[in-house]
Amino acid sequence: MNTVPRSKNMVMAALFAIVPFAFSAVNTAVAQDQFADVEVKATAIKGSVHMLTGMGGNIGVSAGDDGILIIDDQFAPLAEKIAAQLGQLGNNAPKYVINTHYHGDHTGSNAFFHSHKGATILAHENVRIRLANDEKVKPEALPAITYEDGIKIHFNGETLHVMHLEVGHTDGDSVVWFEQPNVMHTGDLFFNGMFPYIDQGAGGNVEGYMESVTQLLKKIDDDTVIIPGHGKLSYKAEYKRFLAMIDETFNYVKALKQEGKTLDEVKALGLEEKWADWSWNFITEEKWITTLYTDA
């Protein structure tokens, strides 16, 4: 696929995506201003599957005769807009919400969809633990169904494989593979065309992230459509390129660290010019080097 330049809105969406806190902590007036102009849009993919974009993590949707299921739900101030777009796909009240991990741009609308729309929330056990330990998160935002390794859901004539990856972006990452249409939602185990955020304070690490991506690449083929956590729709070739970037930059920084260079010295040297386009507002080259150096 040709690489499409990311819009300003996409970059800003990714920027807000990395803030792992409950949005209730932010001044309400400021919050409403930030989200007032955000437009939630739907893109049909294959079978029952659609993708919603707005601000925050990409939302996966299964829409059909059984109703609506969504994967992640962005920030709380966008809940009504998300529900309105779901209504265009058949029903504004999803039966199920799957959280790929605990960050606020993926779980922010949990309470709304559970309390106001009756949705059942599912996630890995560690997602519930981390949300429950955050005093700003309402009890109704907590997943009601949790799992350790994964779960299968039969919905809208398709089989959804919800799979936990042990170590990666966080300690509670899940991906969802829609078997029949061959579509995978990776959560934040894929930032398409961008340096990834790896939450090293929540069980994530670089080598574990690479191992998880390697496992996922083995499960898909060239026809698999990938909904990344952030960025445009993708395919296996781009996902392999993403992994190669992490591997090459990690080995580069690791070698410099083993030579005795300090973090500041490695930052001063920088990465090769070919990686310049991967830098973005939140994970700049310096921040990516810091992540790599910490785990090297």
Protein backbone atom coordinates (compact mmCIF):
# COMPACT_ATOMS: atom_id res chain seq x y z
CA MET A 1 0.00 0.00 0.00
CA ASN A 2 1.07 3.55 -0.59
CA THR A 3 1.66 5.52 2.57
CA VAL A 4 -0.93 8.25 2.99
CA PRO A 5 0.35 11.32 4.91
CA ARG A 6 -1.26 11.56 8.33
CA SER A 7 -3.57 14.52 8.79
CA LYS A 8 -3.21 17.00 11.61
CA ASN A 9 -6.29 15.47 13.21
CA MET A 10 -4.77 12.00 13.05
CA VAL A 11 -1.58 13.17 14.72
CA MET A 12 -3.53 14.97 17.43
CA ALA A 13 -5.71 11.91 17.93
CA ALA A 14 -2.60 9.87 18.47
CA LEU A 15 -1.26 12.48 20.85
CA PHE A 16 -4.33 12.30 23.06
CA ALA A 17 -4.37 8.54 22.70
CA ILE A 18 -1.42 8.05 24.95
CA VAL A 19 -2.84 9.74 28.01
CA PRO A 20 -3.70 6.87 30.37
CA PHE A 21 -5.95 8.73 32.77
CA ALA A 22 -9.67 9.14 33.34
CA PHE A 23 -10.88 12.24 31.57
CA SER A 24 -12.90 13.34 34.58
CA ALA A 25 -9.68 14.78 35.99
CA VAL A 26 -9.65 17.46 33.30
CA ASN A 27 -11.60 20.69 33.57
CA THR A 28 -14.98 20.05 31.95
CA ALA A 29 -15.10 23.27 29.96
CA VAL A 30 -11.62 22.66 28.54
CA ALA A 31 -12.54 19.08 27.72
CA GLN A 32 -15.64 20.11 25.81
CA ASP A 33 -13.64 22.67 23.82
CA GLN A 34 -11.07 20.03 22.87
CA PHE A 35 -13.68 17.61 21.58
CA ALA A 36 -16.29 20.02 20.20
CA ASP A 37 -15.07 19.83 16.62
CA VAL A 38 -14.16 16.12 16.59
CA GLU A 39 -16.10 14.20 13.96
CA VAL A 40 -16.60 10.48 14.43
CA LYS A 41 -16.54 8.74 11.06
CA ALA A 42 -17.26 5.15 10.01
CA THR A 43 -15.42 3.12 7.39
CA ALA A 44 -16.82 -0.20 6.16
CA ILE A 45 -14.18 -2.91 5.94
CA LYS A 46 -15.35 -6.48 5.30
CA GLY A 47 -18.21 -8.65 6.51
CA SER A 48 -19.81 -7.11 9.59
CA VAL A 49 -16.70 -5.07 10.38
CA HIS A 50 -16.35 -1.29 10.38
CA MET A 51 -13.84 1.13 11.86
CA LEU A 52 -14.73 4.35 13.64
CA THR A 53 -12.24 7.20 13.88
CA GLY A 54 -12.48 10.33 16.00
CA MET A 55 -9.88 11.20 18.61
CA GLY A 56 -8.05 8.40 20.39
CA GLY A 57 -7.73 4.74 19.57
CA ASN A 58 -9.45 3.39 16.46
CA ILE A 59 -12.76 1.69 17.27
CA GLY A 60 -13.62 -1.66 15.71
CA VAL A 61 -17.30 -2.43 15.14
CA SER A 62 -19.29 -5.56 14.37
CA ALA A 63 -22.73 -4.55 13.05
CA GLY A 64 -25.41 -6.99 11.96
CA ASP A 65 -28.52 -8.96 12.85
CA ASP A 66 -27.23 -9.75 16.35
CA GLY A 67 -26.69 -6.07 17.06
CA ILE A 68 -23.56 -4.04 17.71
CA LEU A 69 -20.24 -4.96 19.34
CA ILE A 70 -17.42 -2.44 19.63
CA ILE A 71 -13.70 -2.71 20.34
CA ASP A 72 -12.55 0.25 22.44
CA ASP A 73 -14.53 3.46 22.90
CA GLN A 74 -12.20 6.50 22.94
CA PHE A 75 -12.77 9.40 25.38
CA ALA A 76 -15.86 10.07 27.51
CA PRO A 77 -16.72 13.44 25.85
CA LEU A 78 -17.07 11.59 22.53
CA ALA A 79 -19.51 8.95 23.80
CA GLU A 80 -22.63 10.59 22.36
CA LYS A 81 -20.97 11.12 18.99
CA ILE A 82 -19.82 7.49 18.92
CA ALA A 83 -23.33 6.32 19.81
CA ALA A 84 -24.81 8.48 17.05
CA GLN A 85 -22.46 6.95 14.47
CA LEU A 86 -23.27 3.46 15.73
CA GLY A 87 -26.94 4.32 15.21
CA GLN A 88 -26.14 4.86 11.55
CA LEU A 89 -24.80 1.28 11.47
CA GLY A 90 -27.92 -0.17 13.03
CA ASN A 91 -28.12 0.47 16.78
CA ASN A 92 -26.64 3.11 19.07
CA ALA A 93 -26.57 0.69 22.02
CA PRO A 94 -23.80 -1.91 21.67
CA LYS A 95 -24.35 -5.23 23.40
CA TYR A 96 -20.64 -5.65 24.07
CA VAL A 97 -17.59 -3.43 24.49
CA ILE A 98 -14.14 -5.05 24.35
CA ASN A 99 -11.23 -3.05 25.79
CA THR A 100 -7.86 -3.83 24.20
CA HIS A 101 -6.09 -2.31 27.24
CA TYR A 102 -6.71 0.17 30.06
CA HIS A 103 -5.63 3.55 28.62
CA GLY A 104 -8.17 6.35 28.72
CA ASP A 105 -8.44 6.81 24.96
CA HIS A 106 -9.62 3.20 24.69
CA THR A 107 -11.82 2.97 27.79
CA GLY A 108 -13.08 6.52 28.37
CA SER A 109 -16.66 5.86 27.23
CA ASN A 110 -17.04 2.58 29.16
CA ALA A 111 -19.26 4.08 31.85
CA PHE A 112 -21.56 5.73 29.29
CA PHE A 113 -22.07 2.60 27.22
CA HIS A 114 -22.63 0.43 30.28
CA SER A 115 -24.86 2.78 32.29
CA HIS A 116 -26.81 4.45 29.48
CA LYS A 117 -26.78 1.78 26.76
CA GLY A 118 -26.63 -1.47 28.74
CA ALA A 119 -23.39 -2.77 27.21
CA THR A 120 -21.41 -5.56 28.82
CA ILE A 121 -17.70 -4.70 29.01
CA LEU A 122 -15.03 -7.36 28.46
CA ALA A 123 -11.26 -7.14 28.91
CA HIS A 124 -8.21 -8.94 30.22
CA GLU A 125 -8.11 -9.28 34.00
CA ASN A 126 -5.24 -6.78 34.27
CA VAL A 127 -7.36 -4.11 32.59
CA ARG A 128 -9.98 -4.39 35.32
CA ILE A 129 -7.30 -4.34 38.02
CA ARG A 130 -5.67 -1.17 36.66
CA LEU A 131 -8.96 0.64 36.14
CA ALA A 132 -10.21 -0.40 39.59
CA ASN A 133 -7.06 1.00 41.17
CA ASP A 134 -7.69 4.41 39.60
CA GLU A 135 -9.92 6.42 41.94
CA LYS A 136 -11.06 8.60 39.04
CA VAL A 137 -12.61 5.65 37.19
CA LYS A 138 -16.27 5.00 37.98
CA PRO A 139 -17.25 1.45 39.04
CA GLU A 140 -19.61 1.21 36.07
CA ALA A 141 -16.63 1.62 33.73
CA LEU A 142 -15.04 -1.62 34.92
CA PRO A 143 -15.14 -4.74 32.72
CA ALA A 144 -17.80 -7.15 33.97
CA ILE A 145 -16.30 -10.12 32.15
CA THR A 146 -12.55 -10.76 32.30
CA TYR A 147 -10.31 -13.50 30.98
CA GLU A 148 -6.71 -14.64 31.22
CA ASP A 149 -5.76 -16.07 27.82
CA GLY A 150 -8.71 -15.12 25.66
CA ILE A 151 -12.27 -15.83 24.67
CA LYS A 152 -14.30 -16.58 21.51
CA ILE A 153 -17.43 -14.63 20.68
CA HIS A 154 -19.89 -15.79 18.02
CA PHE A 155 -21.67 -12.69 16.79
CA ASN A 156 -23.28 -11.52 13.55
CA GLY A 157 -22.45 -14.82 11.84
CA GLU A 158 -18.73 -14.42 12.51
CA THR A 159 -16.25 -15.80 15.04
CA LEU A 160 -14.26 -13.25 17.02
CA HIS A 161 -11.05 -14.53 18.57
CA VAL A 162 -10.16 -12.27 21.50
CA MET A 163 -6.54 -13.05 22.40
CA HIS A 164 -4.34 -11.81 25.24
CA LEU A 165 -0.68 -11.06 24.47
CA GLU A 166 1.36 -11.56 27.62
CA VAL A 167 3.79 -8.65 27.31
CA GLY A 168 3.80 -5.70 24.97
CA HIS A 169 2.22 -2.26 25.12
CA THR A 170 0.94 -2.99 28.65
CA ASP A 171 0.39 -6.12 30.74
CA GLY A 172 -3.24 -6.37 29.64
CA ASP A 173 -3.16 -6.20 25.84
CA SER A 174 -5.78 -7.96 23.75
CA VAL A 175 -6.25 -8.22 20.02
CA VAL A 176 -9.42 -9.25 18.20
CA TRP A 177 -9.37 -11.32 15.01
CA PHE A 178 -12.58 -11.56 13.02
CA GLU A 179 -12.06 -14.99 11.49
CA GLN A 180 -14.41 -15.07 8.49
CA PRO A 181 -13.80 -11.59 7.07
CA ASN A 182 -10.12 -11.89 8.13
CA VAL A 183 -9.84 -8.56 9.94
CA MET A 184 -7.65 -7.96 13.00
CA HIS A 185 -7.85 -5.14 15.54
CA THR A 186 -4.42 -4.96 17.17
CA GLY A 187 -5.06 -2.33 19.82
CA ASP A 188 -1.88 -0.43 20.59
CA LEU A 189 0.37 -3.25 19.46
CA PHE A 190 0.45 -1.31 16.19
CA PHE A 191 0.95 2.41 15.61
CA ASN A 192 0.87 2.54 11.83
CA GLY A 193 3.81 4.60 10.55
CA MET A 194 4.68 5.99 13.98
CA PHE A 195 7.07 5.21 16.82
CA PRO A 196 4.92 3.29 19.32
CA TYR A 197 4.18 4.23 22.90
CA ILE A 198 5.26 1.38 25.18
CA ASP A 199 3.91 1.80 28.71
CA GLN A 200 6.94 0.64 30.68
CA GLY A 201 5.25 1.61 33.93
CA ALA A 202 2.36 -0.76 33.25
CA GLY A 203 4.21 -3.94 32.30
CA GLY A 204 5.14 -3.05 28.74
CA ASN A 205 8.66 -3.47 27.36
CA VAL A 206 10.36 -3.31 23.99
CA GLU A 207 11.36 -6.96 23.62
CA GLY A 208 7.96 -8.14 24.79
CA TYR A 209 6.30 -5.76 22.34
CA MET A 210 8.38 -7.19 19.47
CA GLU A 211 7.55 -10.75 20.54
CA SER A 212 3.84 -9.98 20.62
CA VAL A 213 3.95 -8.40 17.16
CA THR A 214 5.90 -11.43 15.88
CA GLN A 215 3.18 -13.74 17.22
CA LEU A 216 0.48 -11.70 15.53
CA LEU A 217 2.30 -11.66 12.20
CA LYS A 218 2.29 -15.47 12.28
CA LYS A 219 -1.49 -15.49 12.70
CA ILE A 220 -2.32 -13.32 9.69
CA ASP A 221 -1.78 -13.47 5.95
CA ASP A 222 -1.35 -10.94 3.17
CA ASP A 223 -5.12 -10.53 2.82
CA THR A 224 -5.75 -9.68 6.47
CA VAL A 225 -7.02 -6.14 6.95
CA ILE A 226 -5.53 -4.63 10.09
CA ILE A 227 -7.20 -2.01 12.26
CA PRO A 228 -4.23 -0.55 14.16
CA GLY A 229 -4.58 1.14 17.52
CA HIS A 230 -3.61 4.38 15.78
CA GLY A 231 -3.20 5.27 12.14
CA LYS A 232 -4.85 4.25 8.89
CA LEU A 233 -6.06 0.78 7.95
CA SER A 234 -3.17 -1.49 7.12
CA TYR A 235 -1.94 -4.88 5.93
CA LYS A 236 0.73 -7.41 6.85
CA ALA A 237 3.51 -5.81 4.80
CA GLU A 238 3.23 -2.54 6.73
CA TYR A 239 3.02 -4.40 10.03
CA LYS A 240 6.26 -6.23 9.17
CA ARG A 241 7.88 -2.89 8.33
CA PHE A 242 6.77 -1.57 11.72
CA LEU A 243 8.39 -4.53 13.49
CA ALA A 244 11.58 -4.13 11.47
CA MET A 245 11.79 -0.48 12.55
CA ILE A 246 11.54 -1.42 16.23
CA ASP A 247 14.06 -4.22 15.89
CA GLU A 248 16.63 -2.15 14.00
CA THR A 249 16.39 0.93 16.22
CA PHE A 250 16.48 -1.20 19.38
CA ASN A 251 19.63 -3.03 18.28
CA TYR A 252 21.24 0.28 17.31
CA VAL A 253 20.57 1.88 20.71
CA LYS A 254 21.47 -1.31 22.57
CA ALA A 255 24.87 -1.44 20.86
CA LEU A 256 25.60 2.18 21.79
CA LYS A 257 24.59 1.54 25.39
CA GLN A 258 26.87 -1.50 25.55
CA GLU A 259 29.72 0.71 24.31
CA GLY A 260 29.16 2.78 27.45
CA LYS A 261 27.36 5.73 25.92
CA THR A 262 24.94 7.58 28.18
CA LEU A 263 21.33 8.26 27.25
CA ASP A 264 22.13 11.90 26.52
CA GLU A 265 24.99 10.87 24.25
CA VAL A 266 22.72 8.50 22.32
CA LYS A 267 20.09 11.22 22.00
CA ALA A 268 22.75 13.58 20.65
CA LEU A 269 23.76 11.01 18.03
CA GLY A 270 20.14 10.37 17.10
CA LEU A 271 18.73 7.66 14.85
CA GLU A 272 19.37 7.21 11.16
CA GLU A 273 17.68 9.74 8.92
CA LYS A 274 15.45 7.05 7.39
CA TRP A 275 13.46 6.92 10.64
CA ALA A 276 12.73 10.67 10.74
CA ASP A 277 9.19 10.31 9.41
CA TRP A 278 8.26 7.97 12.27
CA SER A 279 8.60 10.75 14.84
CA TRP A 280 5.38 12.47 15.91
CA ASN A 281 4.02 14.88 18.50
CA PHE A 282 4.01 12.55 21.48
CA ILE A 283 6.68 9.96 20.69
CA THR A 284 9.45 12.07 19.25
CA GLU A 285 12.78 10.56 18.27
CA GLU A 286 14.22 11.52 21.68
CA LYS A 287 11.36 9.85 23.54
CA TRP A 288 11.66 6.73 21.39
CA ILE A 289 15.39 6.58 22.08
CA THR A 290 14.65 6.89 25.82
CA THR A 291 12.22 3.97 25.60
CA LEU A 292 14.75 1.86 23.73
CA TYR A 293 17.64 2.78 26.01
CA THR A 294 15.62 1.92 29.14
CA ASP A 295 15.05 -1.65 27.96
CA ALA A 296 18.39 -2.18 26.18
